[in-house]
C-alpha atoms as a PDB file:
ATOM      1  CA  MET A   1      -0.080  -0.112   0.108  1.00  0.00           C
ATOM      2  CA  PRO A   2       1.826   3.371  -0.771  1.00  0.00           C
ATOM      3  CA  ILE A   3       2.582   5.794   1.750  1.00  0.00           C
ATOM      4  CA  SER A   4       1.282   9.523   1.964  1.00  0.00           C
ATOM      5  CA  ALA A   5       4.097  11.971   2.673  1.00  0.00           C
ATOM      6  CA  SER A   6       2.469  13.318   5.526  1.00  0.00           C
ATOM      7  CA  ASP A   7       2.258   9.560   7.030  1.00  0.00           C
ATOM      8  CA  LEU A   8       5.885   9.089   5.993  1.00  0.00           C
ATOM      9  CA  LYS A   9       6.967  12.696   7.935  1.00  0.00           C
ATOM     10  CA  ASN A  10       5.126  10.995  11.066  1.00  0.00           C
ATOM     11  CA  ASP A  11       7.010   7.840  10.965  1.00  0.00           C
ATOM     12  CA  ILE A  12      10.601   9.678  10.436  1.00  0.00           C
ATOM     13  CA  ASP A  13       9.527  11.843  13.473  1.00  0.00           C
ATOM     14  CA  GLU A  14       8.998   8.905  15.301  1.00  0.00           C
ATOM     15  CA  LEU A  15      12.010   7.095  14.213  1.00  0.00           C
ATOM     16  CA  GLN A  16      14.146  10.386  15.113  1.00  0.00           C
ATOM     17  CA  ALA A  17      12.783  10.167  18.696  1.00  0.00           C
ATOM     18  CA  LEU A  18      13.934   6.417  18.838  1.00  0.00           C
ATOM     19  CA  ARG A  19      17.377   7.449  17.364  1.00  0.00           C
ATOM     20  CA  LYS A  20      17.915   9.735  20.614  1.00  0.00           C
ATOM     21  CA  GLN A  21      16.937   6.805  23.082  1.00  0.00           C
ATOM     22  CA  ALA A  22      19.668   4.582  21.571  1.00  0.00           C
ATOM     23  CA  LYS A  23      22.670   3.788  22.665  1.00  0.00           C
ATOM     24  CA  ARG A  24      24.573   0.977  21.345  1.00  0.00           C
ATOM     25  CA  SER A  25      26.492   1.714  18.321  1.00  0.00           C
ATOM     26  CA  ASN A  26      24.771  -0.971  16.133  1.00  0.00           C
ATOM     27  CA  VAL A  27      21.121   0.136  16.942  1.00  0.00           C
ATOM     28  CA  GLN A  28      22.661   3.466  16.201  1.00  0.00           C
ATOM     29  CA  LEU A  29      23.900   2.769  12.750  1.00  0.00           C
ATOM     30  CA  PHE A  30      20.638   0.997  11.794  1.00  0.00           C
ATOM     31  CA  LEU A  31      18.299   3.779  12.843  1.00  0.00           C
ATOM     32  CA  ASP A  32      20.757   6.203  10.757  1.00  0.00           C
ATOM     33  CA  GLU A  33      20.621   4.378   7.506  1.00  0.00           C
ATOM     34  CA  LEU A  34      17.002   3.820   7.876  1.00  0.00           C
ATOM     35  CA  LEU A  35      16.331   7.161   8.716  1.00  0.00           C
ATOM     36  CA  LYS A  36      18.655   8.612   5.443  1.00  0.00           C
ATOM     37  CA  LYS A  37      16.629   6.047   3.466  1.00  0.00           C
ATOM     38  CA  TRP A  38      13.068   7.646   4.454  1.00  0.00           C
ATOM     39  CA  LEU A  39      14.043  11.099   4.284  1.00  0.00           C
ATOM     40  CA  ALA A  40      15.049  10.361   0.954  1.00  0.00           C
ATOM     41  CA  ASN A  41      11.867   8.649   0.146  1.00  0.00           C
ATOM     42  CA  LEU A  42      10.140  11.644   1.572  1.00  0.00           C
ATOM     43  CA  ASP A  43      11.927  14.121  -0.796  1.00  0.00           C
ATOM     44  CA  GLU A  44      10.990  11.730  -3.712  1.00  0.00           C
ATOM     45  CA  LEU A  45       7.012  12.104  -2.664  1.00  0.00           C
ATOM     46  CA  ASN A  46       7.053  15.497  -2.216  1.00  0.00           C
ATOM     47  CA  ARG A  47       8.588  15.913  -5.650  1.00  0.00           C
ATOM     48  CA  ARG A  48       6.227  13.506  -7.159  1.00  0.00           C
ATOM     49  CA  ASP A  49       3.279  15.049  -5.582  1.00  0.00           C
ATOM     50  CA  LEU A  50       4.328  18.290  -7.303  1.00  0.00           C
ATOM     51  CA  ILE A  51       4.598  17.031 -10.473  1.00  0.00           C
ATOM     52  CA  THR A  52       1.327  15.028 -10.426  1.00  0.00           C
ATOM     53  CA  SER A  53      -0.554  17.782  -9.181  1.00  0.00           C
ATOM     54  CA  ASP A  54      -3.453  18.561 -11.489  1.00  0.00           C
ATOM     55  CA  ALA A  55      -4.522  21.705  -9.554  1.00  0.00           C
ATOM     56  CA  PRO A  56      -5.148  24.356 -11.486  1.00  0.00           C
ATOM     57  CA  LYS A  57      -2.135  26.928 -10.870  1.00  0.00           C
ATOM     58  CA  THR A  58      -2.641  30.734 -11.520  1.00  0.00           C
ATOM     59  CA  ILE A  59       0.653  32.801 -11.341  1.00  0.00           C
ATOM     60  CA  GLY A  60       0.675  34.984  -8.293  1.00  0.00           C
ATOM     61  CA  VAL A  61      -1.886  33.692  -6.704  1.00  0.00           C
ATOM     62  CA  ALA A  62      -1.076  31.456  -3.933  1.00  0.00           C
ATOM     63  CA  ALA A  63      -3.027  27.675  -3.232  1.00  0.00           C
ATOM     64  CA  ARG A  64      -4.974  27.115  -0.827  1.00  0.00           C
ATOM     65  CA  PRO A  65      -4.260  24.772   1.758  1.00  0.00           C
ATOM     66  CA  TYR A  66      -6.586  21.504   2.199  1.00  0.00           C
ATOM     67  CA  LYS A  67      -7.920  21.267   5.125  1.00  0.00           C
ATOM     68  CA  LYS A  68      -8.007  17.579   6.645  1.00  0.00           C
ATOM     69  CA  LEU A  69     -10.950  15.666   7.660  1.00  0.00           C
ATOM     70  CA  THR A  70     -10.467  13.393  10.708  1.00  0.00           C
ATOM     71  CA  THR A  71     -13.832  13.395  12.392  1.00  0.00           C
ATOM     72  CA  TYR A  72     -16.462  11.130  10.807  1.00  0.00           C
ATOM     73  CA  GLY A  73     -19.464   8.720  11.693  1.00  0.00           C
ATOM     74  CA  PHE A  74     -19.283   4.884  11.148  1.00  0.00           C
ATOM     75  CA  ASP A  75     -22.079   2.466  10.392  1.00  0.00           C
ATOM     76  CA  GLU A  76     -22.009  -0.639   8.221  1.00  0.00           C
ATOM     77  CA  SER A  77     -24.263  -3.123   6.652  1.00  0.00           C
ATOM     78  CA  ASP A  78     -23.723  -6.845   5.493  1.00  0.00           C
ATOM     79  CA  LYS A  79     -21.819  -5.350   2.414  1.00  0.00           C
ATOM     80  CA  PHE A  80     -20.679  -1.911   2.934  1.00  0.00           C
ATOM     81  CA  VAL A  81     -18.799   0.416   5.404  1.00  0.00           C
ATOM     82  CA  LYS A  82     -20.364   3.496   5.834  1.00  0.00           C
ATOM     83  CA  ILE A  83     -18.869   6.487   6.942  1.00  0.00           C
ATOM     84  CA  TYR A  84     -19.910  10.069   7.094  1.00  0.00           C
ATOM     85  CA  TYR A  85     -18.099  13.498   7.010  1.00  0.00           C
ATOM     86  CA  SER A  86     -19.617  16.583   7.665  1.00  0.00           C
ATOM     87  CA  ILE A  87     -18.704  19.402   5.170  1.00  0.00           C
ATOM     88  CA  PRO A  88     -20.435  22.355   4.865  1.00  0.00           C
ATOM     89  CA  GLY A  89     -21.646  23.241   1.287  1.00  0.00           C
ATOM     90  CA  ILE A  90     -20.651  19.765  -0.020  1.00  0.00           C
ATOM     91  CA  SER A  91     -24.352  18.713  -0.904  1.00  0.00           C
ATOM     92  CA  SER A  92     -24.243  21.737  -3.622  1.00  0.00           C
ATOM     93  CA  THR A  93     -20.802  21.100  -4.565  1.00  0.00           C
ATOM     94  CA  PRO A  94     -20.418  20.152  -8.273  1.00  0.00           C
ATOM     95  CA  VAL A  95     -19.593  16.498  -8.551  1.00  0.00           C
ATOM     96  CA  THR A  96     -16.547  17.011 -10.795  1.00  0.00           C
ATOM     97  CA  ALA A  97     -15.036  19.255  -7.658  1.00  0.00           C
ATOM     98  CA  ILE A  98     -14.645  15.795  -5.730  1.00  0.00           C
ATOM     99  CA  LYS A  99     -11.705  13.176  -6.824  1.00  0.00           C
ATOM    100  CA  GLU A 100     -11.485   9.901  -4.957  1.00  0.00           C
ATOM    101  CA  LYS A 101      -9.236   7.049  -4.619  1.00  0.00           C
ATOM    102  CA  PHE A 102      -9.769   3.606  -3.200  1.00  0.00           C
ATOM    103  CA  ASN A 103      -7.519   0.971  -2.553  1.00  0.00           C
ATOM    104  CA  GLU A 104      -7.727  -2.368  -0.656  1.00  0.00           C
ATOM    105  CA  ASN A 105      -6.548  -0.831   2.715  1.00  0.00           C
ATOM    106  CA  SER A 106      -7.244   2.621   2.272  1.00  0.00           C
ATOM    107  CA  PHE A 107      -8.561   5.685   0.411  1.00  0.00           C
ATOM    108  CA  ASP A 108      -8.148   9.525  -0.239  1.00  0.00           C
ATOM    109  CA  ILE A 109     -10.746  12.174  -1.293  1.00  0.00           C
ATOM    110  CA  PHE A 110     -10.203  15.821  -2.359  1.00  0.00           C
ATOM    111  CA  CYS A 111     -12.950  18.385  -2.015  1.00  0.00           C
ATOM    112  CA  THR A 112     -12.005  21.437  -4.090  1.00  0.00           C
ATOM    113  CA  ASP A 113     -13.589  24.891  -3.607  1.00  0.00           C
ATOM    114  CA  VAL A 114     -16.466  23.915  -1.463  1.00  0.00           C
ATOM    115  CA  ASN A 115     -17.704  27.190  -0.278  1.00  0.00           C
ATOM    116  CA  GLY A 116     -14.210  28.724  -0.782  1.00  0.00           C
ATOM    117  CA  THR A 117     -12.361  25.962   0.764  1.00  0.00           C
ATOM    118  CA  ASP A 118     -10.635  22.640   0.099  1.00  0.00           C
ATOM    119  CA  TYR A 119     -10.698  19.464   1.947  1.00  0.00           C
ATOM    120  CA  GLU A 120      -9.220  16.245   1.813  1.00  0.00           C
ATOM    121  CA  ILE A 121      -9.699  12.848   3.687  1.00  0.00           C
ATOM    122  CA  ASN A 122      -6.437  10.684   3.890  1.00  0.00           C
ATOM    123  CA  VAL A 123      -7.622   7.088   5.611  1.00  0.00           C
ATOM    124  CA  ARG A 124      -4.744   4.390   5.970  1.00  0.00           C
ATOM    125  CA  GLY A 125      -4.965   0.892   7.659  1.00  0.00           C
ATOM    126  CA  LEU A 126      -8.432  -0.019   7.074  1.00  0.00           C
ATOM    127  CA  SER A 127      -9.877  -2.730   9.323  1.00  0.00           C
ATOM    128  CA  LYS A 128     -10.268  -5.162   6.888  1.00  0.00           C
ATOM    129  CA  ALA A 129      -9.980  -5.271   3.038  1.00  0.00           C
ATOM    130  CA  VAL A 130     -12.167  -3.628   0.436  1.00  0.00           C
ATOM    131  CA  ASP A 131     -12.996  -4.328  -3.368  1.00  0.00           C
ATOM    132  CA  PRO A 132     -11.536  -0.541  -4.440  1.00  0.00           C
ATOM    133  CA  ASP A 133     -13.575  -0.807  -7.905  1.00  0.00           C
ATOM    134  CA  LYS A 134     -17.086  -0.856  -6.214  1.00  0.00           C
ATOM    135  CA  CYS A 135     -16.278   1.750  -3.661  1.00  0.00           C
ATOM    136  CA  TYR A 136     -17.788   5.129  -4.040  1.00  0.00           C
ATOM    137  CA  PHE A 137     -18.942   8.512  -2.438  1.00  0.00           C
ATOM    138  CA  LYS A 138     -22.352  10.157  -2.223  1.00  0.00           C
ATOM    139  CA  GLN A 139     -23.285  13.820  -1.772  1.00  0.00           C
ATOM    140  CA  LYS A 140     -26.477  13.703   0.823  1.00  0.00           C
ATOM    141  CA  SER A 141     -28.420  16.403   2.179  1.00  0.00           C
ATOM    142  CA  GLY A 142     -27.346  18.441   5.486  1.00  0.00           C
ATOM    143  CA  ASP A 143     -24.340  18.953   4.179  1.00  0.00           C
ATOM    144  CA  GLN A 144     -23.202  15.227   4.257  1.00  0.00           C
ATOM    145  CA  LEU A 145     -20.509  13.470   2.157  1.00  0.00           C
ATOM    146  CA  LEU A 146     -21.095   9.521   2.214  1.00  0.00           C
ATOM    147  CA  VAL A 147     -18.126   7.037   1.732  1.00  0.00           C
ATOM    148  CA  MET A 148     -19.436   3.683   0.644  1.00  0.00           C
ATOM    149  CA  LEU A 149     -16.562   0.963   1.079  1.00  0.00           C
ATOM    150  CA  LYS A 150     -17.385  -2.248  -0.063  1.00  0.00           C
ATOM    151  CA  LYS A 151     -16.576  -5.311   2.039  1.00  0.00           C
ATOM    152  CA  VAL A 152     -14.397  -8.129   0.375  1.00  0.00           C
ATOM    153  CA  ARG A 153     -16.142 -10.298   2.927  1.00  0.00           C
ATOM    154  CA  GLU A 154     -19.732  -9.578   2.813  1.00  0.00           C
ATOM    155  CA  ASN A 155     -21.496 -10.527   6.295  1.00  0.00           C
ATOM    156  CA  GLU A 156     -18.230  -9.652   8.021  1.00  0.00           C
ATOM    157  CA  ASN A 157     -18.579  -7.598  11.077  1.00  0.00           C
ATOM    158  CA  TRP A 158     -16.084  -4.676  11.130  1.00  0.00           C
ATOM    159  CA  GLY A 159     -16.600  -3.145  14.384  1.00  0.00           C
ATOM    160  CA  SER A 160     -14.637  -0.131  13.866  1.00  0.00           C
ATOM    161  CA  LEU A 161     -13.189   1.851  10.438  1.00  0.00           C
ATOM    162  CA  LEU A 162      -9.437   1.219  11.566  1.00  0.00           C
ATOM    163  CA  LYS A 163      -7.128  -1.602  12.473  1.00  0.00           C
ATOM    164  CA  ILE A 164      -5.762   0.773  15.181  1.00  0.00           C
ATOM    165  CA  ASP A 165      -9.052   1.668  16.941  1.00  0.00           C
ATOM    166  CA  LYS A 166      -9.622  -2.245  17.482  1.00  0.00           C
ATOM    167  CA  LYS A 167      -6.659  -2.926  19.532  1.00  0.00           C
ATOM    168  CA  GLU A 168      -4.556  -0.965  22.279  1.00  0.00           C
ATOM    169  CA  GLN A 169      -1.214   0.616  20.543  1.00  0.00           C
ATOM    170  CA  LYS A 170       1.764  -2.079  20.488  1.00  0.00           C
ATOM    171  CA  THR A 171       4.361   0.515  20.553  1.00  0.00           C
ATOM    172  CA  PRO A 172       6.501  -0.873  23.194  1.00  0.00           C
ATOM    173  CA  LYS A 173       7.067   2.001  25.938  1.00  0.00           C
ATOM    174  CA  PHE A 174      10.367   3.020  27.333  1.00  0.00           C
ATOM    175  CA  ASP A 175       9.870   1.777  30.792  1.00  0.00           C
ATOM    176  CA  LYS A 176      11.751   3.337  33.137  1.00  0.00           C
ATOM    177  CA  ASP A 177      12.209   0.058  34.706  1.00  0.00           C
ATOM    178  CA  GLU A 178      12.824  -1.830  31.693  1.00  0.00           C
ATOM    179  CA  ASP A 179      16.116  -1.982  29.452  1.00  0.00           C
ATOM    180  CA  PRO A 180      16.091   0.905  26.974  1.00  0.00           C
ATOM    181  CA  GLN A 181      17.852  -1.047  24.475  1.00  0.00           C
ATOM    182  CA  ALA A 182      15.502  -4.003  24.694  1.00  0.00           C
ATOM    183  CA  SER A 183      12.401  -1.847  24.283  1.00  0.00           C
ATOM    184  CA  LEU A 184      14.305  -0.217  21.376  1.00  0.00           C
ATOM    185  CA  MET A 185      14.664  -3.716  20.111  1.00  0.00           C
ATOM    186  CA  ASN A 186      11.119  -4.760  20.567  1.00  0.00           C
ATOM    187  CA  MET A 187      10.009  -1.909  18.925  1.00  0.00           C
ATOM    188  CA  MET A 188      12.429  -2.260  15.624  1.00  0.00           C
ATOM    189  CA  LYS A 189      10.961  -5.865  15.613  1.00  0.00           C
ATOM    190  CA  GLN A 190       7.095  -4.801  15.749  1.00  0.00           C
ATOM    191  CA  MET A 191       7.848  -2.065  12.699  1.00  0.00           C
ATOM    192  CA  TYR A 192       9.435  -5.624  10.635  1.00  0.00           C
ATOM    193  CA  ASP A 193       6.491  -7.821  11.808  1.00  0.00           C
ATOM    194  CA  GLU A 194       3.685  -5.608  11.004  1.00  0.00           C
ATOM    195  CA  GLY A 195       5.242  -3.639   8.072  1.00  0.00           C
ATOM    196  CA  ASP A 196       4.738  -4.616   4.157  1.00  0.00           C
ATOM    197  CA  ASP A 197       7.278  -6.304   2.066  1.00  0.00           C
ATOM    198  CA  GLU A 198       8.582  -2.613   1.481  1.00  0.00           C
ATOM    199  CA  MET A 199       8.944  -2.003   4.659  1.00  0.00           C
ATOM    200  CA  LYS A 200      10.791  -5.597   5.563  1.00  0.00           C
ATOM    201  CA  ARG A 201      12.895  -5.144   2.572  1.00  0.00           C
ATOM    202  CA  THR A 202      13.879  -1.309   3.524  1.00  0.00           C
ATOM    203  CA  ILE A 203      14.996  -2.581   7.122  1.00  0.00           C
ATOM    204  CA  ARG A 204      16.965  -5.575   6.147  1.00  0.00           C
ATOM    205  CA  LYS A 205      18.959  -3.597   4.093  1.00  0.00           C
ATOM    206  CA  SER A 206      19.424  -0.796   6.497  1.00  0.00           C
ATOM    207  CA  TRP A 207      20.531  -3.630   9.154  1.00  0.00           C
ATOM    208  CA  TYR A 208      23.177  -4.800   6.513  1.00  0.00           C
ATOM    209  CA  GLU A 209      24.542  -1.783   5.416  1.00  0.00           C
ATOM    210  CA  ALA A 210      24.408  -0.703   9.241  1.00  0.00           C
ATOM    211  CA  GLN A 211      26.571  -3.655  10.309  1.00  0.00           C
ATOM    212  CA  ASN A 212      28.693  -3.138   7.118  1.00  0.00           C
ATOM    213  CA  LYS A 213      29.632   0.248   8.301  1.00  0.00           C
ATOM    214  CA  LYS A 214      30.491  -1.007  11.713  1.00  0.00           C
ATOM    215  CA  ALA A 215      32.706  -3.317  10.659  1.00  0.00           C
ATOM    216  CA  THR A 216      34.416  -1.226   8.280  1.00  0.00           C
ATOM    217  CA  SER A 217      35.056   1.442  11.181  1.00  0.00           C
ATOM    218  CA  GLU A 218      36.501  -1.470  13.265  1.00  0.00           C
ATOM    219  CA  MET A 219      39.266  -1.892  10.519  1.00  0.00           C
ATOM    220  CA  ASP A 220      40.181   1.727  10.493  1.00  0.00           C
ATOM    221  CA  PHE A 221      42.946   1.592  13.073  1.00  0.00           C
END
């Protein structure tokens, strides 16, 4: 699943916080390599967003920032998960001003010039898989935007929109009574276990390069 620039920025912020906790050289080198790759990926994502953006540009006029929507109503039926967003003026907005992109475990919606405001919805880590080709949105009366997510497995109860809502945060805490290096290694193991194939490849490569760099530095005497 493609990651957005904003999500990657949040991951980088958290990884930088972990780097400050690291004391062992192996762990420090590994985190440095991973940070370097993620920062390069963030630069590439930002560059790609600028190139692929199809928003009209007017010389001398600053583009409006998008207002991110994170509050929603949740409902579900046997076949669909229904997400409701309150957006003033959305009922009378031309449908051409609303762009959507659905993936198996995420979706994005952009609403342009809704009473002079641009809105964006970015949802990652859906509780279950959806069928992107059968997902859609509806403009409802009362300034409601309804997002219909088609369940891959009908009659399966979701209970919540996101996986993270269904479980306690698993991120290991840096307990004062616990070895901070052990906590850090648990965190990295969790990132690997829960990451996608690209995440796993990145972590393996970063660890390998960190080990090589450490071995090289030890030989330079």
